[in-house]
PDB file of N, CA and C in Angstrom:
ATOM      1  N   MET A   1     -20.017   6.717  20.632  1.00  0.00           N
ATOM      2  CA  MET A   1     -18.762   5.980  20.624  1.00  0.00           C
ATOM      3  C   MET A   1     -17.619   6.980  20.471  1.00  0.00           C
ATOM      4  N   LYS A   2     -16.578   6.763  21.203  1.00  0.00           N
ATOM      5  CA  LYS A   2     -15.422   7.660  21.167  1.00  0.00           C
ATOM      6  C   LYS A   2     -14.581   7.408  19.924  1.00  0.00           C
ATOM      7  N   ASN A   3     -13.872   8.430  19.503  1.00  0.00           N
ATOM      8  CA  ASN A   3     -12.995   8.302  18.345  1.00  0.00           C
ATOM      9  C   ASN A   3     -11.955   7.203  18.548  1.00  0.00           C
ATOM     10  N   ARG A   4     -11.447   7.073  19.773  1.00  0.00           N
ATOM     11  CA  ARG A   4     -10.449   6.037  20.051  1.00  0.00           C
ATOM     12  C   ARG A   4     -11.048   4.659  19.829  1.00  0.00           C
ATOM     13  N   ASP A   5     -12.282   4.456  20.268  1.00  0.00           N
ATOM     14  CA  ASP A   5     -12.939   3.168  20.058  1.00  0.00           C
ATOM     15  C   ASP A   5     -13.072   2.866  18.568  1.00  0.00           C
ATOM     16  N   LEU A   6     -13.494   3.868  17.786  1.00  0.00           N
ATOM     17  CA  LEU A   6     -13.604   3.681  16.340  1.00  0.00           C
ATOM     18  C   LEU A   6     -12.247   3.368  15.715  1.00  0.00           C
ATOM     19  N   PHE A   7     -11.226   4.054  16.203  1.00  0.00           N
ATOM     20  CA  PHE A   7      -9.886   3.827  15.677  1.00  0.00           C
ATOM     21  C   PHE A   7      -9.441   2.387  15.914  1.00  0.00           C
ATOM     22  N   PHE A   8      -9.656   1.887  17.119  1.00  0.00           N
ATOM     23  CA  PHE A   8      -9.256   0.506  17.407  1.00  0.00           C
ATOM     24  C   PHE A   8     -10.111  -0.503  16.639  1.00  0.00           C
ATOM     25  N   GLN A   9     -11.367  -0.189  16.411  1.00  0.00           N
ATOM     26  CA  GLN A   9     -12.198  -1.059  15.578  1.00  0.00           C
ATOM     27  C   GLN A   9     -11.675  -1.071  14.141  1.00  0.00           C
ATOM     28  N   LEU A  10     -11.276   0.107  13.666  1.00  0.00           N
ATOM     29  CA  LEU A  10     -10.707   0.199  12.326  1.00  0.00           C
ATOM     30  C   LEU A  10      -9.439  -0.641  12.226  1.00  0.00           C
ATOM     31  N   LEU A  11      -8.552  -0.497  13.209  1.00  0.00           N
ATOM     32  CA  LEU A  11      -7.321  -1.287  13.193  1.00  0.00           C
ATOM     33  C   LEU A  11      -7.614  -2.786  13.220  1.00  0.00           C
ATOM     34  N   ALA A  12      -8.581  -3.188  14.024  1.00  0.00           N
ATOM     35  CA  ALA A  12      -8.945  -4.607  14.100  1.00  0.00           C
ATOM     36  C   ALA A  12      -9.484  -5.102  12.762  1.00  0.00           C
ATOM     37  N   ALA A  13     -10.331  -4.293  12.124  1.00  0.00           N
ATOM     38  CA  ALA A  13     -10.911  -4.691  10.831  1.00  0.00           C
ATOM     39  C   ALA A  13      -9.824  -4.819   9.765  1.00  0.00           C
ATOM     40  N   VAL A  14      -8.923  -3.844   9.716  1.00  0.00           N
ATOM     41  CA  VAL A  14      -7.831  -3.890   8.741  1.00  0.00           C
ATOM     42  C   VAL A  14      -6.885  -5.042   9.065  1.00  0.00           C
ATOM     43  N   ASN A  15      -6.639  -5.276  10.353  1.00  0.00           N
ATOM     44  CA  ASN A  15      -5.778  -6.383  10.762  1.00  0.00           C
ATOM     45  C   ASN A  15      -6.350  -7.726  10.316  1.00  0.00           C
ATOM     46  N   ASP A  16      -7.659  -7.880  10.397  1.00  0.00           N
ATOM     47  CA  ASP A  16      -8.283  -9.124   9.936  1.00  0.00           C
ATOM     48  C   ASP A  16      -8.019  -9.347   8.445  1.00  0.00           C
ATOM     49  N   VAL A  17      -8.120  -8.281   7.656  1.00  0.00           N
ATOM     50  CA  VAL A  17      -7.851  -8.399   6.216  1.00  0.00           C
ATOM     51  C   VAL A  17      -6.375  -8.701   5.983  1.00  0.00           C
ATOM     52  N   GLU A  18      -5.485  -8.015   6.716  1.00  0.00           N
ATOM     53  CA  GLU A  18      -4.045  -8.281   6.585  1.00  0.00           C
ATOM     54  C   GLU A  18      -3.731  -9.736   6.910  1.00  0.00           C
ATOM     55  N   ASN A  19      -4.327 -10.245   7.977  1.00  0.00           N
ATOM     56  CA  ASN A  19      -4.087 -11.643   8.353  1.00  0.00           C
ATOM     57  C   ASN A  19      -4.579 -12.593   7.276  1.00  0.00           C
ATOM     58  N   LYS A  20      -5.693 -12.272   6.671  1.00  0.00           N
ATOM     59  CA  LYS A  20      -6.248 -13.116   5.603  1.00  0.00           C
ATOM     60  C   LYS A  20      -5.294 -13.183   4.407  1.00  0.00           C
ATOM     61  N   HIS A  21      -4.598 -12.089   4.146  1.00  0.00           N
ATOM     62  CA  HIS A  21      -3.731 -11.997   2.968  1.00  0.00           C
ATOM     63  C   HIS A  21      -2.250 -12.003   3.331  1.00  0.00           C
ATOM     64  N   HIS A  22      -1.902 -12.546   4.488  1.00  0.00           N
ATOM     65  CA  HIS A  22      -0.507 -12.490   4.939  1.00  0.00           C
ATOM     66  C   HIS A  22       0.464 -13.165   3.982  1.00  0.00           C
ATOM     67  N   THR A  23       0.005 -14.109   3.207  1.00  0.00           N
ATOM     68  CA  THR A  23       0.921 -14.759   2.264  1.00  0.00           C
ATOM     69  C   THR A  23       1.176 -13.892   1.035  1.00  0.00           C
ATOM     70  N   ALA A  24       0.288 -12.915   0.773  1.00  0.00           N
ATOM     71  CA  ALA A  24       0.479 -12.023  -0.377  1.00  0.00           C
ATOM     72  C   ALA A  24       1.553 -10.974  -0.085  1.00  0.00           C
ATOM     73  N   ALA A  25       1.607 -10.476   1.143  1.00  0.00           N
ATOM     74  CA  ALA A  25       2.600  -9.473   1.541  1.00  0.00           C
ATOM     75  C   ALA A  25       2.837  -9.596   3.038  1.00  0.00           C
ATOM     76  N   PRO A  26       3.601 -10.619   3.451  1.00  0.00           N
ATOM     77  CA  PRO A  26       3.734 -10.895   4.877  1.00  0.00           C
ATOM     78  C   PRO A  26       4.584  -9.890   5.657  1.00  0.00           C
ATOM     79  N   ASP A  27       5.271  -9.029   4.980  1.00  0.00           N
ATOM     80  CA  ASP A  27       6.229  -8.134   5.602  1.00  0.00           C
ATOM     81  C   ASP A  27       5.606  -6.754   5.821  1.00  0.00           C
ATOM     82  N   ILE A  28       5.649  -6.237   7.036  1.00  0.00           N
ATOM     83  CA  ILE A  28       5.016  -4.956   7.359  1.00  0.00           C
ATOM     84  C   ILE A  28       5.661  -3.811   6.585  1.00  0.00           C
ATOM     85  N   ASP A  29       6.972  -3.858   6.373  1.00  0.00           N
ATOM     86  CA  ASP A  29       7.629  -2.803   5.601  1.00  0.00           C
ATOM     87  C   ASP A  29       7.110  -2.781   4.163  1.00  0.00           C
ATOM     88  N   ALA A  30       6.926  -3.959   3.585  1.00  0.00           N
ATOM     89  CA  ALA A  30       6.385  -4.045   2.228  1.00  0.00           C
ATOM     90  C   ALA A  30       4.940  -3.545   2.196  1.00  0.00           C
ATOM     91  N   GLN A  31       4.168  -3.843   3.236  1.00  0.00           N
ATOM     92  CA  GLN A  31       2.787  -3.368   3.290  1.00  0.00           C
ATOM     93  C   GLN A  31       2.736  -1.850   3.357  1.00  0.00           C
ATOM     94  N   ILE A  32       3.591  -1.251   4.182  1.00  0.00           N
ATOM     95  CA  ILE A  32       3.623   0.210   4.295  1.00  0.00           C
ATOM     96  C   ILE A  32       4.047   0.826   2.960  1.00  0.00           C
ATOM     97  N   LEU A  33       5.045   0.256   2.326  1.00  0.00           N
ATOM     98  CA  LEU A  33       5.483   0.753   1.026  1.00  0.00           C
ATOM     99  C   LEU A  33       4.357   0.638   0.003  1.00  0.00           C
ATOM    100  N   LEU A  34       3.661  -0.488  -0.005  1.00  0.00           N
ATOM    101  CA  LEU A  34       2.545  -0.664  -0.933  1.00  0.00           C
ATOM    102  C   LEU A  34       1.469   0.402  -0.706  1.00  0.00           C
ATOM    103  N   MET A  35       1.174   0.709   0.550  1.00  0.00           N
ATOM    104  CA  MET A  35       0.166   1.733   0.834  1.00  0.00           C
ATOM    105  C   MET A  35       0.618   3.097   0.322  1.00  0.00           C
ATOM    106  N   ARG A  36       1.917   3.415   0.469  1.00  0.00           N
ATOM    107  CA  ARG A  36       2.420   4.700  -0.038  1.00  0.00           C
ATOM    108  C   ARG A  36       2.346   4.747  -1.563  1.00  0.00           C
ATOM    109  N   ILE A  37       2.663   3.636  -2.207  1.00  0.00           N
ATOM    110  CA  ILE A  37       2.577   3.559  -3.670  1.00  0.00           C
ATOM    111  C   ILE A  37       1.124   3.734  -4.104  1.00  0.00           C
ATOM    112  N   ALA A  38       0.208   3.045  -3.434  1.00  0.00           N
ATOM    113  CA  ALA A  38      -1.215   3.134  -3.790  1.00  0.00           C
ATOM    114  C   ALA A  38      -1.767   4.530  -3.527  1.00  0.00           C
ATOM    115  N   MET A  39      -1.366   5.142  -2.419  1.00  0.00           N
ATOM    116  CA  MET A  39      -1.834   6.497  -2.114  1.00  0.00           C
ATOM    117  C   MET A  39      -1.366   7.486  -3.182  1.00  0.00           C
ATOM    118  N   GLY A  40      -0.116   7.374  -3.591  1.00  0.00           N
ATOM    119  CA  GLY A  40       0.395   8.251  -4.639  1.00  0.00           C
ATOM    120  C   GLY A  40      -0.324   8.033  -5.955  1.00  0.00           C
ATOM    121  N   HIS A  41      -0.536   6.793  -6.300  1.00  0.00           N
ATOM    122  CA  HIS A  41      -1.226   6.480  -7.553  1.00  0.00           C
ATOM    123  C   HIS A  41      -2.659   6.996  -7.517  1.00  0.00           C
ATOM    124  N   HIS A  42      -3.334   6.817  -6.399  1.00  0.00           N
ATOM    125  CA  HIS A  42      -4.715   7.279  -6.254  1.00  0.00           C
ATOM    126  C   HIS A  42      -4.803   8.806  -6.361  1.00  0.00           C
ATOM    127  N   ALA A  43      -3.798   9.504  -5.824  1.00  0.00           N
ATOM    128  CA  ALA A  43      -3.775  10.972  -5.851  1.00  0.00           C
ATOM    129  C   ALA A  43      -3.230  11.510  -7.179  1.00  0.00           C
ATOM    130  N   LYS A  44      -2.974  10.625  -8.129  1.00  0.00           N
ATOM    131  CA  LYS A  44      -2.405  10.988  -9.432  1.00  0.00           C
ATOM    132  C   LYS A  44      -1.001  11.595  -9.287  1.00  0.00           C
ATOM    133  N   LEU A  45      -0.298  11.129  -8.246  1.00  0.00           N
ATOM    134  CA  LEU A  45       1.093  11.514  -8.009  1.00  0.00           C
ATOM    135  C   LEU A  45       1.916  10.239  -7.831  1.00  0.00           C
ATOM    136  N   PRO A  46       2.027   9.458  -8.919  1.00  0.00           N
ATOM    137  CA  PRO A  46       2.686   8.155  -8.782  1.00  0.00           C
ATOM    138  C   PRO A  46       4.144   8.288  -8.367  1.00  0.00           C
ATOM    139  N   LEU A  47       4.589   7.284  -7.628  1.00  0.00           N
ATOM    140  CA  LEU A  47       5.991   7.232  -7.207  1.00  0.00           C
ATOM    141  C   LEU A  47       6.804   6.516  -8.267  1.00  0.00           C
ATOM    142  N   ASN A  48       7.940   7.111  -8.607  1.00  0.00           N
ATOM    143  CA  ASN A  48       8.864   6.347  -9.434  1.00  0.00           C
ATOM    144  C   ASN A  48       9.774   5.585  -8.481  1.00  0.00           C
ATOM    145  N   VAL A  49      10.607   4.746  -9.020  1.00  0.00           N
ATOM    146  CA  VAL A  49      11.459   3.902  -8.179  1.00  0.00           C
ATOM    147  C   VAL A  49      12.372   4.760  -7.310  1.00  0.00           C
ATOM    148  N   THR A  50      12.933   5.817  -7.868  1.00  0.00           N
ATOM    149  CA  THR A  50      13.844   6.682  -7.098  1.00  0.00           C
ATOM    150  C   THR A  50      13.131   7.316  -5.916  1.00  0.00           C
ATOM    151  N   LYS A  51      11.937   7.858  -6.143  1.00  0.00           N
ATOM    152  CA  LYS A  51      11.179   8.482  -5.047  1.00  0.00           C
ATOM    153  C   LYS A  51      10.819   7.448  -3.980  1.00  0.00           C
ATOM    154  N   ALA A  52      10.453   6.263  -4.405  1.00  0.00           N
ATOM    155  CA  ALA A  52      10.108   5.209  -3.439  1.00  0.00           C
ATOM    156  C   ALA A  52      11.322   4.842  -2.593  1.00  0.00           C
ATOM    157  N   MET A  53      12.484   4.800  -3.208  1.00  0.00           N
ATOM    158  CA  MET A  53      13.695   4.445  -2.471  1.00  0.00           C
ATOM    159  C   MET A  53      14.148   5.570  -1.539  1.00  0.00           C
ATOM    160  N   ASN A  54      13.593   6.755  -1.707  1.00  0.00           N
ATOM    161  CA  ASN A  54      13.926   7.886  -0.840  1.00  0.00           C
ATOM    162  C   ASN A  54      12.948   8.046   0.319  1.00  0.00           C
ATOM    163  N   LEU A  55      12.065   7.095   0.527  1.00  0.00           N
ATOM    164  CA  LEU A  55      11.132   7.143   1.666  1.00  0.00           C
ATOM    165  C   LEU A  55      11.883   6.663   2.913  1.00  0.00           C
ATOM    166  N   ARG A  56      12.833   7.445   3.344  1.00  0.00           N
ATOM    167  CA  ARG A  56      13.740   7.054   4.421  1.00  0.00           C
ATOM    168  C   ARG A  56      13.037   6.840   5.760  1.00  0.00           C
ATOM    169  N   HIS A  57      11.852   7.402   5.935  1.00  0.00           N
ATOM    170  CA  HIS A  57      11.122   7.167   7.181  1.00  0.00           C
ATOM    171  C   HIS A  57      10.605   5.734   7.248  1.00  0.00           C
ATOM    172  N   ILE A  58      10.571   5.037   6.122  1.00  0.00           N
ATOM    173  CA  ILE A  58      10.165   3.629   6.101  1.00  0.00           C
ATOM    174  C   ILE A  58      11.391   2.733   6.278  1.00  0.00           C
ATOM    175  N   GLY A  59      12.496   3.099   5.620  1.00  0.00           N
ATOM    176  CA  GLY A  59      13.698   2.290   5.737  1.00  0.00           C
ATOM    177  C   GLY A  59      14.802   2.815   4.839  1.00  0.00           C
ATOM    178  N   SER A  60      15.902   2.119   4.839  1.00  0.00           N
ATOM    179  CA  SER A  60      17.056   2.518   4.033  1.00  0.00           C
ATOM    180  C   SER A  60      16.751   2.277   2.553  1.00  0.00           C
ATOM    181  N   PRO A  61      17.455   2.981   1.667  1.00  0.00           N
ATOM    182  CA  PRO A  61      17.248   2.743   0.241  1.00  0.00           C
ATOM    183  C   PRO A  61      17.456   1.280  -0.155  1.00  0.00           C
ATOM    184  N   ALA A  62      18.445   0.627   0.438  1.00  0.00           N
ATOM    185  CA  ALA A  62      18.697  -0.785   0.111  1.00  0.00           C
ATOM    186  C   ALA A  62      17.508  -1.656   0.524  1.00  0.00           C
ATOM    187  N   MET A  63      16.970  -1.410   1.733  1.00  0.00           N
ATOM    188  CA  MET A  63      15.820  -2.188   2.197  1.00  0.00           C
ATOM    189  C   MET A  63      14.607  -1.910   1.307  1.00  0.00           C
ATOM    190  N   LEU A  64      14.400  -0.643   0.957  1.00  0.00           N
ATOM    191  CA  LEU A  64      13.266  -0.289   0.104  1.00  0.00           C
ATOM    192  C   LEU A  64      13.397  -0.925  -1.278  1.00  0.00           C
ATOM    193  N   HIS A  65      14.610  -0.987  -1.792  1.00  0.00           N
ATOM    194  CA  HIS A  65      14.830  -1.644  -3.085  1.00  0.00           C
ATOM    195  C   HIS A  65      14.432  -3.119  -3.003  1.00  0.00           C
ATOM    196  N   ARG A  66      14.804  -3.775  -1.907  1.00  0.00           N
ATOM    197  CA  ARG A  66      14.406  -5.185  -1.717  1.00  0.00           C
ATOM    198  C   ARG A  66      12.893  -5.306  -1.641  1.00  0.00           C
ATOM    199  N   LYS A  67      12.233  -4.378  -0.936  1.00  0.00           N
ATOM    200  CA  LYS A  67      10.775  -4.436  -0.776  1.00  0.00           C
ATOM    201  C   LYS A  67      10.067  -4.174  -2.095  1.00  0.00           C
ATOM    202  N   ILE A  68      10.614  -3.278  -2.918  1.00  0.00           N
ATOM    203  CA  ILE A  68      10.049  -3.057  -4.253  1.00  0.00           C
ATOM    204  C   ILE A  68      10.124  -4.354  -5.045  1.00  0.00           C
ATOM    205  N   ASN A  69      11.277  -5.013  -4.994  1.00  0.00           N
ATOM    206  CA  ASN A  69      11.421  -6.293  -5.703  1.00  0.00           C
ATOM    207  C   ASN A  69      10.454  -7.340  -5.158  1.00  0.00           C
ATOM    208  N   ASP A  70      10.266  -7.368  -3.829  1.00  0.00           N
ATOM    209  CA  ASP A  70       9.301  -8.299  -3.235  1.00  0.00           C
ATOM    210  C   ASP A  70       7.895  -8.022  -3.750  1.00  0.00           C
ATOM    211  N   LEU A  71       7.497  -6.745  -3.756  1.00  0.00           N
ATOM    212  CA  LEU A  71       6.153  -6.383  -4.228  1.00  0.00           C
ATOM    213  C   LEU A  71       5.972  -6.756  -5.698  1.00  0.00           C
ATOM    214  N   LEU A  72       7.030  -6.591  -6.486  1.00  0.00           N
ATOM    215  CA  LEU A  72       6.978  -7.000  -7.893  1.00  0.00           C
ATOM    216  C   LEU A  72       6.808  -8.513  -8.003  1.00  0.00           C
ATOM    217  N   GLN A  73       7.584  -9.262  -7.213  1.00  0.00           N
ATOM    218  CA  GLN A  73       7.505 -10.733  -7.231  1.00  0.00           C
ATOM    219  C   GLN A  73       6.133 -11.221  -6.791  1.00  0.00           C
ATOM    220  N   TRP A  74       5.551 -10.586  -5.771  1.00  0.00           N
ATOM    221  CA  TRP A  74       4.256 -10.999  -5.241  1.00  0.00           C
ATOM    222  C   TRP A  74       3.102 -10.554  -6.141  1.00  0.00           C
ATOM    223  N   GLY A  75       3.418  -9.806  -7.197  1.00  0.00           N
ATOM    224  CA  GLY A  75       2.370  -9.368  -8.122  1.00  0.00           C
ATOM    225  C   GLY A  75       1.495  -8.263  -7.563  1.00  0.00           C
ATOM    226  N   LEU A  76       2.039  -7.475  -6.629  1.00  0.00           N
ATOM    227  CA  LEU A  76       1.260  -6.394  -6.022  1.00  0.00           C
ATOM    228  C   LEU A  76       1.531  -5.036  -6.651  1.00  0.00           C
ATOM    229  N   VAL A  77       2.672  -4.884  -7.313  1.00  0.00           N
ATOM    230  CA  VAL A  77       2.967  -3.669  -8.069  1.00  0.00           C
ATOM    231  C   VAL A  77       3.572  -4.076  -9.406  1.00  0.00           C
ATOM    232  N   GLU A  78       3.512  -3.126 -10.335  1.00  0.00           N
ATOM    233  CA  GLU A  78       4.166  -3.321 -11.616  1.00  0.00           C
ATOM    234  C   GLU A  78       4.862  -2.021 -11.988  1.00  0.00           C
ATOM    235  N   LEU A  79       5.851  -2.136 -12.859  1.00  0.00           N
ATOM    236  CA  LEU A  79       6.576  -0.972 -13.342  1.00  0.00           C
ATOM    237  C   LEU A  79       5.932  -0.515 -14.639  1.00  0.00           C
ATOM    238  N   VAL A  80       5.622   0.779 -14.713  1.00  0.00           N
ATOM    239  CA  VAL A  80       4.995   1.333 -15.913  1.00  0.00           C
ATOM    240  C   VAL A  80       5.748   2.584 -16.342  1.00  0.00           C
ATOM    241  N   PHE A  81       5.632   2.890 -17.612  1.00  0.00           N
ATOM    242  CA  PHE A  81       6.199   4.107 -18.171  1.00  0.00           C
ATOM    243  C   PHE A  81       5.054   5.060 -18.471  1.00  0.00           C
ATOM    244  N   GLU A  82       5.327   6.357 -18.376  1.00  0.00           N
ATOM    245  CA  GLU A  82       4.311   7.354 -18.718  1.00  0.00           C
ATOM    246  C   GLU A  82       4.760   8.092 -19.962  1.00  0.00           C
ATOM    247  N   GLY A  83       3.858   8.169 -20.923  1.00  0.00           N
ATOM    248  CA  GLY A  83       4.154   8.893 -22.152  1.00  0.00           C
ATOM    249  C   GLY A  83       5.334   8.313 -22.894  1.00  0.00           C
ATOM    250  N   GLY A  84       6.113   9.196 -23.490  1.00  0.00           N
ATOM    251  CA  GLY A  84       7.249   8.765 -24.286  1.00  0.00           C
ATOM    252  C   GLY A  84       8.520   8.579 -23.480  1.00  0.00           C
ATOM    253  N   ASN A  85       8.493   8.918 -22.205  1.00  0.00           N
ATOM    254  CA  ASN A  85       9.680   8.781 -21.363  1.00  0.00           C
ATOM    255  C   ASN A  85       9.861   7.317 -20.973  1.00  0.00           C
ATOM    256  N   ARG A  86      10.860   6.670 -21.550  1.00  0.00           N
ATOM    257  CA  ARG A  86      11.093   5.253 -21.283  1.00  0.00           C
ATOM    258  C   ARG A  86      12.169   5.041 -20.220  1.00  0.00           C
ATOM    259  N   ARG A  87      12.661   6.138 -19.634  1.00  0.00           N
ATOM    260  CA  ARG A  87      13.715   5.983 -18.635  1.00  0.00           C
ATOM    261  C   ARG A  87      13.178   6.003 -17.214  1.00  0.00           C
ATOM    262  N   THR A  88      12.057   6.654 -17.001  1.00  0.00           N
ATOM    263  CA  THR A  88      11.503   6.733 -15.658  1.00  0.00           C
ATOM    264  C   THR A  88      10.432   5.666 -15.485  1.00  0.00           C
ATOM    265  N   LYS A  89      10.644   4.778 -14.523  1.00  0.00           N
ATOM    266  CA  LYS A  89       9.700   3.707 -14.239  1.00  0.00           C
ATOM    267  C   LYS A  89       8.886   4.086 -13.009  1.00  0.00           C
ATOM    268  N   TYR A  90       7.574   4.039 -13.171  1.00  0.00           N
ATOM    269  CA  TYR A  90       6.679   4.335 -12.057  1.00  0.00           C
ATOM    270  C   TYR A  90       6.134   3.040 -11.480  1.00  0.00           C
ATOM    271  N   LEU A  91       5.893   3.065 -10.182  1.00  0.00           N
ATOM    272  CA  LEU A  91       5.324   1.913  -9.483  1.00  0.00           C
ATOM    273  C   LEU A  91       3.817   2.082  -9.444  1.00  0.00           C
ATOM    274  N   GLU A  92       3.123   1.063  -9.880  1.00  0.00           N
ATOM    275  CA  GLU A  92       1.661   1.109  -9.926  1.00  0.00           C
ATOM    276  C   GLU A  92       1.097  -0.153  -9.274  1.00  0.00           C
ATOM    277  N   PRO A  93       0.115   0.015  -8.376  1.00  0.00           N
ATOM    278  CA  PRO A  93      -0.510  -1.166  -7.772  1.00  0.00           C
ATOM    279  C   PRO A  93      -1.234  -1.992  -8.841  1.00  0.00           C
ATOM    280  N   THR A  94      -1.221  -3.278  -8.666  1.00  0.00           N
ATOM    281  CA  THR A  94      -1.914  -4.175  -9.589  1.00  0.00           C
ATOM    282  C   THR A  94      -3.367  -4.371  -9.142  1.00  0.00           C
ATOM    283  N   LYS A  95      -4.123  -5.057  -9.965  1.00  0.00           N
ATOM    284  CA  LYS A  95      -5.506  -5.397  -9.596  1.00  0.00           C
ATOM    285  C   LYS A  95      -5.530  -6.223  -8.315  1.00  0.00           C
ATOM    286  N   LYS A  96      -4.555  -7.095  -8.158  1.00  0.00           N
ATOM    287  CA  LYS A  96      -4.453  -7.913  -6.943  1.00  0.00           C
ATOM    288  C   LYS A  96      -4.290  -7.026  -5.710  1.00  0.00           C
ATOM    289  N   ALA A  97      -3.423  -6.017  -5.806  1.00  0.00           N
ATOM    290  CA  ALA A  97      -3.213  -5.095  -4.682  1.00  0.00           C
ATOM    291  C   ALA A  97      -4.488  -4.314  -4.393  1.00  0.00           C
ATOM    292  N   TYR A  98      -5.139  -3.811  -5.442  1.00  0.00           N
ATOM    293  CA  TYR A  98      -6.360  -3.039  -5.227  1.00  0.00           C
ATOM    294  C   TYR A  98      -7.488  -3.895  -4.669  1.00  0.00           C
ATOM    295  N   ALA A  99      -7.504  -5.178  -4.976  1.00  0.00           N
ATOM    296  CA  ALA A  99      -8.525  -6.062  -4.396  1.00  0.00           C
ATOM    297  C   ALA A  99      -8.350  -6.135  -2.877  1.00  0.00           C
ATOM    298  N   ILE A 100      -7.107  -6.230  -2.424  1.00  0.00           N
ATOM    299  CA  ILE A 100      -6.832  -6.267  -0.984  1.00  0.00           C
ATOM    300  C   ILE A 100      -7.157  -4.915  -0.354  1.00  0.00           C
ATOM    301  N   ILE A 101      -6.757  -3.837  -1.002  1.00  0.00           N
ATOM    302  CA  ILE A 101      -7.037  -2.491  -0.491  1.00  0.00           C
ATOM    303  C   ILE A 101      -8.542  -2.253  -0.421  1.00  0.00           C
ATOM    304  N   ASP A 102      -9.279  -2.677  -1.436  1.00  0.00           N
ATOM    305  CA  ASP A 102     -10.736  -2.520  -1.416  1.00  0.00           C
ATOM    306  C   ASP A 102     -11.365  -3.317  -0.283  1.00  0.00           C
ATOM    307  N   GLU A 103     -10.812  -4.490  -0.011  1.00  0.00           N
ATOM    308  CA  GLU A 103     -11.300  -5.298   1.105  1.00  0.00           C
ATOM    309  C   GLU A 103     -11.078  -4.570   2.436  1.00  0.00           C
ATOM    310  N   MET A 104      -9.907  -3.939   2.571  1.00  0.00           N
ATOM    311  CA  MET A 104      -9.624  -3.158   3.781  1.00  0.00           C
ATOM    312  C   MET A 104     -10.579  -1.967   3.886  1.00  0.00           C
ATOM    313  N   ALA A 105     -10.810  -1.301   2.766  1.00  0.00           N
ATOM    314  CA  ALA A 105     -11.712  -0.143   2.761  1.00  0.00           C
ATOM    315  C   ALA A 105     -13.125  -0.559   3.133  1.00  0.00           C
ATOM    316  N   ASP A 106     -13.575  -1.687   2.610  1.00  0.00           N
ATOM    317  CA  ASP A 106     -14.914  -2.186   2.950  1.00  0.00           C
ATOM    318  C   ASP A 106     -15.012  -2.536   4.427  1.00  0.00           C
ATOM    319  N   ALA A 107     -13.969  -3.154   4.972  1.00  0.00           N
ATOM    320  CA  ALA A 107     -13.951  -3.506   6.395  1.00  0.00           C
ATOM    321  C   ALA A 107     -13.981  -2.250   7.256  1.00  0.00           C
ATOM    322  N   ALA A 108     -13.231  -1.230   6.836  1.00  0.00           N
ATOM    323  CA  ALA A 108     -13.221   0.026   7.586  1.00  0.00           C
ATOM    324  C   ALA A 108     -14.580   0.715   7.512  1.00  0.00           C
ATOM    325  N   ALA A 109     -15.196   0.733   6.337  1.00  0.00           N
ATOM    326  CA  ALA A 109     -16.489   1.385   6.170  1.00  0.00           C
ATOM    327  C   ALA A 109     -17.574   0.680   6.979  1.00  0.00           C
ATOM    328  N   ALA A 110     -17.434  -0.627   7.151  1.00  0.00           N
ATOM    329  CA  ALA A 110     -18.448  -1.391   7.884  1.00  0.00           C
ATOM    330  C   ALA A 110     -18.501  -1.013   9.359  1.00  0.00           C
ATOM    331  N   ILE A 111     -17.401  -0.516   9.900  1.00  0.00           N
ATOM    332  CA  ILE A 111     -17.407  -0.167  11.328  1.00  0.00           C
ATOM    333  C   ILE A 111     -17.602   1.329  11.568  1.00  0.00           C
ATOM    334  N   HIS A 112     -17.563   2.109  10.498  1.00  0.00           N
ATOM    335  CA  HIS A 112     -17.638   3.567  10.636  1.00  0.00           C
ATOM    336  C   HIS A 112     -19.037   4.018  11.070  1.00  0.00           C
ATOM    337  N   GLU A 113     -19.035   4.864  12.065  1.00  0.00           N
ATOM    338  CA  GLU A 113     -20.248   5.550  12.483  1.00  0.00           C
ATOM    339  C   GLU A 113     -19.876   7.008  12.686  1.00  0.00           C
ATOM    340  N   PRO A 114     -20.689   7.930  12.203  1.00  0.00           N
ATOM    341  CA  PRO A 114     -20.354   9.347  12.408  1.00  0.00           C
ATOM    342  C   PRO A 114     -20.228   9.671  13.896  1.00  0.00           C
ATOM    343  N   VAL A 115     -19.202  10.413  14.231  1.00  0.00           N
ATOM    344  CA  VAL A 115     -18.967  10.811  15.622  1.00  0.00           C
ATOM    345  C   VAL A 115     -19.470  12.236  15.780  1.00  0.00           C
ATOM    346  N   SER A 116     -20.254  12.454  16.837  1.00  0.00           N
ATOM    347  CA  SER A 116     -20.764  13.808  17.053  1.00  0.00           C
ATOM    348  C   SER A 116     -19.996  14.535  18.122  1.00  0.00           C
TER     349      SER A 116
END
């Protein structure tokens, strides 16, 4: 199987999960932001609100601020403090967000075949 075929199967599998959970995060910009937040958290490089609002390749700071608020309202991220610093708020995916991400990961793994 060609890499392109696997890629399109991966997109289809992830799309099925996205469609299933469209009411949790129906907006593609919010989904992309959530993935960036989750990737940073997973890599132990969490995004604070300022860094998230500076992801200009996703959108303007004003739009990103709205999407952060949407993700907070939908229960997909929460604001946390690290250590004694109470001024910097970090964005962290919730259990609800990780459940959706795990579902996507499982769907992707189900179609994966090593390419030679």
